[in-house]
Amino acid sequence: MTTINEQIRAMFLDYFNNYLSVAKFAEHNEISEALALTIVTAGRQLHEQYVEAALLRAEAHTGIGGA
């Protein structure tokens, strides 16, 4: 089952990888620019949290860590 956070993160990654502007992302997804910006902003935050958690898991698993 896909959570809403996973869906928002997926939309952010679609934006990041495939669009040059929030306006075009909004147009192609048939949503307002304001909603597109909200999705991109929230998605970026969720993705950063996801990556940080994945790095911590990897460090714990391998015993290799920074600092």
PDB file of N, CA and C in Angstrom:
ATOM      1  N   MET A   1       0.846  -1.178   0.000  1.00  0.00           N
ATOM      2  CA  MET A   1       0.000   0.000   0.000  1.00  0.00           C
ATOM      3  C   MET A   1       0.889   1.238   0.000  1.00  0.00           C
ATOM      4  N   THR A   2       0.561   2.179  -0.839  1.00  0.00           N
ATOM      5  CA  THR A   2       1.323   3.412  -0.941  1.00  0.00           C
ATOM      6  C   THR A   2       0.719   4.469  -0.024  1.00  0.00           C
ATOM      7  N   THR A   3       1.555   5.071   0.798  1.00  0.00           N
ATOM      8  CA  THR A   3       1.077   6.120   1.699  1.00  0.00           C
ATOM      9  C   THR A   3       1.011   7.457   0.952  1.00  0.00           C
ATOM     10  N   ILE A   4       0.314   8.401   1.534  1.00  0.00           N
ATOM     11  CA  ILE A   4       0.234   9.736   0.938  1.00  0.00           C
ATOM     12  C   ILE A   4       1.627  10.367   0.881  1.00  0.00           C
ATOM     13  N   ASN A   5       2.453  10.125   1.898  1.00  0.00           N
ATOM     14  CA  ASN A   5       3.821  10.663   1.879  1.00  0.00           C
ATOM     15  C   ASN A   5       4.617  10.088   0.722  1.00  0.00           C
ATOM     16  N   GLU A   6       4.458   8.803   0.447  1.00  0.00           N
ATOM     17  CA  GLU A   6       5.159   8.178  -0.682  1.00  0.00           C
ATOM     18  C   GLU A   6       4.669   8.759  -2.008  1.00  0.00           C
ATOM     19  N   GLN A   7       3.385   9.029  -2.103  1.00  0.00           N
ATOM     20  CA  GLN A   7       2.830   9.611  -3.330  1.00  0.00           C
ATOM     21  C   GLN A   7       3.343  11.032  -3.543  1.00  0.00           C
ATOM     22  N   ILE A   8       3.393  11.819  -2.469  1.00  0.00           N
ATOM     23  CA  ILE A   8       3.905  13.189  -2.578  1.00  0.00           C
ATOM     24  C   ILE A   8       5.381  13.169  -2.941  1.00  0.00           C
ATOM     25  N   ARG A   9       6.145  12.269  -2.323  1.00  0.00           N
ATOM     26  CA  ARG A   9       7.569  12.151  -2.639  1.00  0.00           C
ATOM     27  C   ARG A   9       7.760  11.743  -4.095  1.00  0.00           C
ATOM     28  N   ALA A  10       6.927  10.832  -4.590  1.00  0.00           N
ATOM     29  CA  ALA A  10       7.010  10.397  -5.989  1.00  0.00           C
ATOM     30  C   ALA A  10       6.705  11.558  -6.934  1.00  0.00           C
ATOM     31  N   MET A  11       5.736  12.378  -6.564  1.00  0.00           N
ATOM     32  CA  MET A  11       5.419  13.542  -7.401  1.00  0.00           C
ATOM     33  C   MET A  11       6.578  14.539  -7.395  1.00  0.00           C
ATOM     34  N   PHE A  12       7.216  14.723  -6.245  1.00  0.00           N
ATOM     35  CA  PHE A  12       8.384  15.600  -6.187  1.00  0.00           C
ATOM     36  C   PHE A  12       9.484  15.075  -7.094  1.00  0.00           C
ATOM     37  N   LEU A  13       9.753  13.776  -7.030  1.00  0.00           N
ATOM     38  CA  LEU A  13      10.803  13.202  -7.871  1.00  0.00           C
ATOM     39  C   LEU A  13      10.460  13.326  -9.349  1.00  0.00           C
ATOM     40  N   ASP A  14       9.190  13.194  -9.691  1.00  0.00           N
ATOM     41  CA  ASP A  14       8.757  13.410 -11.078  1.00  0.00           C
ATOM     42  C   ASP A  14       9.055  14.848 -11.482  1.00  0.00           C
ATOM     43  N   TYR A  15       8.692  15.791 -10.622  1.00  0.00           N
ATOM     44  CA  TYR A  15       8.987  17.204 -10.892  1.00  0.00           C
ATOM     45  C   TYR A  15      10.493  17.424 -11.043  1.00  0.00           C
ATOM     46  N   PHE A  16      11.255  16.926 -10.095  1.00  0.00           N
ATOM     47  CA  PHE A  16      12.706  17.156 -10.069  1.00  0.00           C
ATOM     48  C   PHE A  16      13.385  16.598 -11.315  1.00  0.00           C
ATOM     49  N   ASN A  17      12.955  15.416 -11.731  1.00  0.00           N
ATOM     50  CA  ASN A  17      13.608  14.729 -12.850  1.00  0.00           C
ATOM     51  C   ASN A  17      13.085  15.124 -14.229  1.00  0.00           C
ATOM     52  N   ASN A  18      11.873  15.684 -14.290  1.00  0.00           N
ATOM     53  CA  ASN A  18      11.256  15.851 -15.601  1.00  0.00           C
ATOM     54  C   ASN A  18      10.767  17.246 -15.961  1.00  0.00           C
ATOM     55  N   TYR A  19      10.837  18.190 -15.044  1.00  0.00           N
ATOM     56  CA  TYR A  19      10.278  19.514 -15.320  1.00  0.00           C
ATOM     57  C   TYR A  19      11.269  20.612 -14.978  1.00  0.00           C
ATOM     58  N   LEU A  20      11.172  21.700 -15.740  1.00  0.00           N
ATOM     59  CA  LEU A  20      12.011  22.860 -15.482  1.00  0.00           C
ATOM     60  C   LEU A  20      11.289  23.925 -14.669  1.00  0.00           C
ATOM     61  N   SER A  21       9.955  23.832 -14.611  1.00  0.00           N
ATOM     62  CA  SER A  21       9.206  24.845 -13.867  1.00  0.00           C
ATOM     63  C   SER A  21       8.012  24.224 -13.162  1.00  0.00           C
ATOM     64  N   VAL A  22       7.638  24.855 -12.067  1.00  0.00           N
ATOM     65  CA  VAL A  22       6.445  24.443 -11.338  1.00  0.00           C
ATOM     66  C   VAL A  22       5.216  24.661 -12.216  1.00  0.00           C
ATOM     67  N   ALA A  23       5.233  25.713 -13.018  1.00  0.00           N
ATOM     68  CA  ALA A  23       4.098  26.015 -13.887  1.00  0.00           C
ATOM     69  C   ALA A  23       3.826  24.868 -14.865  1.00  0.00           C
ATOM     70  N   LYS A  24       4.849  24.343 -15.487  1.00  0.00           N
ATOM     71  CA  LYS A  24       4.664  23.248 -16.443  1.00  0.00           C
ATOM     72  C   LYS A  24       4.256  21.961 -15.727  1.00  0.00           C
ATOM     73  N   PHE A  25       4.831  21.713 -14.554  1.00  0.00           N
ATOM     74  CA  PHE A  25       4.434  20.562 -13.740  1.00  0.00           C
ATOM     75  C   PHE A  25       2.950  20.662 -13.396  1.00  0.00           C
ATOM     76  N   ALA A  26       2.503  21.844 -13.002  1.00  0.00           N
ATOM     77  CA  ALA A  26       1.095  22.057 -12.666  1.00  0.00           C
ATOM     78  C   ALA A  26       0.211  21.829 -13.886  1.00  0.00           C
ATOM     79  N   GLU A  27       0.626  22.381 -15.001  1.00  0.00           N
ATOM     80  CA  GLU A  27      -0.159  22.232 -16.234  1.00  0.00           C
ATOM     81  C   GLU A  27      -0.318  20.759 -16.617  1.00  0.00           C
ATOM     82  N   HIS A  28       0.765  20.023 -16.602  1.00  0.00           N
ATOM     83  CA  HIS A  28       0.732  18.611 -17.007  1.00  0.00           C
ATOM     84  C   HIS A  28      -0.038  17.735 -16.028  1.00  0.00           C
ATOM     85  N   ASN A  29      -0.111  18.155 -14.762  1.00  0.00           N
ATOM     86  CA  ASN A  29      -0.848  17.386 -13.763  1.00  0.00           C
ATOM     87  C   ASN A  29      -2.257  17.933 -13.530  1.00  0.00           C
ATOM     88  N   GLU A  30      -2.604  18.973 -14.289  1.00  0.00           N
ATOM     89  CA  GLU A  30      -3.925  19.594 -14.218  1.00  0.00           C
ATOM     90  C   GLU A  30      -4.285  20.031 -12.796  1.00  0.00           C
ATOM     91  N   ILE A  31      -3.327  20.732 -12.176  1.00  0.00           N
ATOM     92  CA  ILE A  31      -3.517  21.287 -10.841  1.00  0.00           C
ATOM     93  C   ILE A  31      -3.075  22.743 -10.866  1.00  0.00           C
ATOM     94  N   SER A  32      -3.452  23.489  -9.852  1.00  0.00           N
ATOM     95  CA  SER A  32      -3.042  24.897  -9.783  1.00  0.00           C
ATOM     96  C   SER A  32      -1.543  24.990  -9.479  1.00  0.00           C
ATOM     97  N   GLU A  33      -0.969  26.125  -9.853  1.00  0.00           N
ATOM     98  CA  GLU A  33       0.447  26.334  -9.545  1.00  0.00           C
ATOM     99  C   GLU A  33       0.675  26.363  -8.034  1.00  0.00           C
ATOM    100  N   ALA A  34      -0.285  26.901  -7.287  1.00  0.00           N
ATOM    101  CA  ALA A  34      -0.154  26.941  -5.832  1.00  0.00           C
ATOM    102  C   ALA A  34      -0.103  25.535  -5.253  1.00  0.00           C
ATOM    103  N   LEU A  35      -0.978  24.655  -5.734  1.00  0.00           N
ATOM    104  CA  LEU A  35      -0.965  23.274  -5.252  1.00  0.00           C
ATOM    105  C   LEU A  35       0.315  22.572  -5.692  1.00  0.00           C
ATOM    106  N   ALA A  36       0.750  22.822  -6.909  1.00  0.00           N
ATOM    107  CA  ALA A  36       1.995  22.211  -7.397  1.00  0.00           C
ATOM    108  C   ALA A  36       3.174  22.633  -6.523  1.00  0.00           C
ATOM    109  N   LEU A  37       3.237  23.906  -6.184  1.00  0.00           N
ATOM    110  CA  LEU A  37       4.324  24.394  -5.331  1.00  0.00           C
ATOM    111  C   LEU A  37       4.260  23.753  -3.954  1.00  0.00           C
ATOM    112  N   THR A  38       3.058  23.590  -3.409  1.00  0.00           N
ATOM    113  CA  THR A  38       2.892  22.926  -2.115  1.00  0.00           C
ATOM    114  C   THR A  38       3.387  21.485  -2.190  1.00  0.00           C
ATOM    115  N   ILE A  39       3.037  20.790  -3.252  1.00  0.00           N
ATOM    116  CA  ILE A  39       3.466  19.393  -3.432  1.00  0.00           C
ATOM    117  C   ILE A  39       4.978  19.310  -3.568  1.00  0.00           C
ATOM    118  N   VAL A  40       5.552  20.189  -4.366  1.00  0.00           N
ATOM    119  CA  VAL A  40       7.004  20.175  -4.573  1.00  0.00           C
ATOM    120  C   VAL A  40       7.738  20.482  -3.269  1.00  0.00           C
ATOM    121  N   THR A  41       7.264  21.465  -2.527  1.00  0.00           N
ATOM    122  CA  THR A  41       7.904  21.843  -1.265  1.00  0.00           C
ATOM    123  C   THR A  41       7.809  20.708  -0.242  1.00  0.00           C
ATOM    124  N   ALA A  42       6.616  20.162  -0.076  1.00  0.00           N
ATOM    125  CA  ALA A  42       6.427  19.056   0.871  1.00  0.00           C
ATOM    126  C   ALA A  42       7.194  17.818   0.403  1.00  0.00           C
ATOM    127  N   GLY A  43       7.150  17.561  -0.875  1.00  0.00           N
ATOM    128  CA  GLY A  43       7.855  16.397  -1.427  1.00  0.00           C
ATOM    129  C   GLY A  43       9.355  16.473  -1.227  1.00  0.00           C
ATOM    130  N   ARG A  44       9.908  17.675  -1.388  1.00  0.00           N
ATOM    131  CA  ARG A  44      11.350  17.860  -1.171  1.00  0.00           C
ATOM    132  C   ARG A  44      11.704  17.544   0.285  1.00  0.00           C
ATOM    133  N   GLN A  45      10.904  18.042   1.208  1.00  0.00           N
ATOM    134  CA  GLN A  45      11.150  17.777   2.629  1.00  0.00           C
ATOM    135  C   GLN A  45      11.030  16.290   2.939  1.00  0.00           C
ATOM    136  N   LEU A  46       9.998  15.646   2.413  1.00  0.00           N
ATOM    137  CA  LEU A  46       9.815  14.211   2.641  1.00  0.00           C
ATOM    138  C   LEU A  46      10.957  13.406   2.036  1.00  0.00           C
ATOM    139  N   HIS A  47      11.405  13.808   0.856  1.00  0.00           N
ATOM    140  CA  HIS A  47      12.508  13.082   0.213  1.00  0.00           C
ATOM    141  C   HIS A  47      13.802  13.238   1.011  1.00  0.00           C
ATOM    142  N   GLU A  48      14.063  14.429   1.507  1.00  0.00           N
ATOM    143  CA  GLU A  48      15.266  14.641   2.319  1.00  0.00           C
ATOM    144  C   GLU A  48      15.226  13.784   3.581  1.00  0.00           C
ATOM    145  N   GLN A  49      14.054  13.691   4.216  1.00  0.00           N
ATOM    146  CA  GLN A  49      13.903  12.834   5.391  1.00  0.00           C
ATOM    147  C   GLN A  49      14.119  11.368   5.027  1.00  0.00           C
ATOM    148  N   TYR A  50      13.581  10.954   3.898  1.00  0.00           N
ATOM    149  CA  TYR A  50      13.725   9.578   3.427  1.00  0.00           C
ATOM    150  C   TYR A  50      15.197   9.234   3.181  1.00  0.00           C
ATOM    151  N   VAL A  51      15.913  10.125   2.521  1.00  0.00           N
ATOM    152  CA  VAL A  51      17.327   9.888   2.227  1.00  0.00           C
ATOM    153  C   VAL A  51      18.135   9.841   3.514  1.00  0.00           C
ATOM    154  N   GLU A  52      17.874  10.757   4.430  1.00  0.00           N
ATOM    155  CA  GLU A  52      18.593  10.769   5.713  1.00  0.00           C
ATOM    156  C   GLU A  52      18.362   9.465   6.477  1.00  0.00           C
ATOM    157  N   ALA A  53      17.116   9.005   6.514  1.00  0.00           N
ATOM    158  CA  ALA A  53      16.803   7.747   7.203  1.00  0.00           C
ATOM    159  C   ALA A  53      17.487   6.570   6.521  1.00  0.00           C
ATOM    160  N   ALA A  54      17.521   6.578   5.205  1.00  0.00           N
ATOM    161  CA  ALA A  54      18.181   5.495   4.465  1.00  0.00           C
ATOM    162  C   ALA A  54      19.680   5.483   4.744  1.00  0.00           C
ATOM    163  N   LEU A  55      20.278   6.651   4.820  1.00  0.00           N
ATOM    164  CA  LEU A  55      21.713   6.726   5.130  1.00  0.00           C
ATOM    165  C   LEU A  55      21.994   6.217   6.539  1.00  0.00           C
ATOM    166  N   LEU A  56      21.144   6.575   7.489  1.00  0.00           N
ATOM    167  CA  LEU A  56      21.325   6.099   8.861  1.00  0.00           C
ATOM    168  C   LEU A  56      21.187   4.581   8.937  1.00  0.00           C
ATOM    169  N   ARG A  57      20.203   4.038   8.204  1.00  0.00           N
ATOM    170  CA  ARG A  57      20.038   2.584   8.170  1.00  0.00           C
ATOM    171  C   ARG A  57      21.268   1.911   7.564  1.00  0.00           C
ATOM    172  N   ALA A  58      21.784   2.489   6.493  1.00  0.00           N
ATOM    173  CA  ALA A  58      22.953   1.922   5.828  1.00  0.00           C
ATOM    174  C   ALA A  58      24.170   1.967   6.755  1.00  0.00           C
ATOM    175  N   GLU A  59      24.338   3.095   7.437  1.00  0.00           N
ATOM    176  CA  GLU A  59      25.451   3.220   8.366  1.00  0.00           C
ATOM    177  C   GLU A  59      25.340   2.206   9.499  1.00  0.00           C
ATOM    178  N   ALA A  60      24.144   2.020  10.025  1.00  0.00           N
ATOM    179  CA  ALA A  60      23.924   1.068  11.111  1.00  0.00           C
ATOM    180  C   ALA A  60      24.185  -0.352  10.639  1.00  0.00           C
ATOM    181  N   HIS A  61      23.776  -0.628   9.414  1.00  0.00           N
ATOM    182  CA  HIS A  61      23.939  -1.982   8.865  1.00  0.00           C
ATOM    183  C   HIS A  61      25.396  -2.312   8.570  1.00  0.00           C
ATOM    184  N   THR A  62      26.124  -1.344   8.050  1.00  0.00           N
ATOM    185  CA  THR A  62      27.506  -1.592   7.630  1.00  0.00           C
ATOM    186  C   THR A  62      28.528  -1.263   8.715  1.00  0.00           C
ATOM    187  N   GLY A  63      28.102  -0.461   9.681  1.00  0.00           N
ATOM    188  CA  GLY A  63      29.032  -0.027  10.713  1.00  0.00           C
ATOM    189  C   GLY A  63      29.927   1.094  10.236  1.00  0.00           C
ATOM    190  N   ILE A  64      29.663   1.595   9.025  1.00  0.00           N
ATOM    191  CA  ILE A  64      30.441   2.693   8.483  1.00  0.00           C
ATOM    192  C   ILE A  64      29.647   3.966   8.703  1.00  0.00           C
ATOM    193  N   GLY A  65      30.255   4.915   9.323  1.00  0.00           N
ATOM    194  CA  GLY A  65      29.550   6.162   9.593  1.00  0.00           C
ATOM    195  C   GLY A  65      30.454   7.344   9.362  1.00  0.00           C
ATOM    196  N   GLY A  66      29.836   8.486   9.300  1.00  0.00           N
ATOM    197  CA  GLY A  66      30.604   9.716   9.189  1.00  0.00           C
ATOM    198  C   GLY A  66      31.066  10.172  10.552  1.00  0.00           C
ATOM    199  N   ALA A  67      31.747  11.262  10.568  1.00  0.00           N
ATOM    200  CA  ALA A  67      32.245  11.927  11.781  1.00  0.00           C
ATOM    201  C   ALA A  67      32.512  10.944  12.825  1.00  0.00           C
TER     202      ALA A  67
END
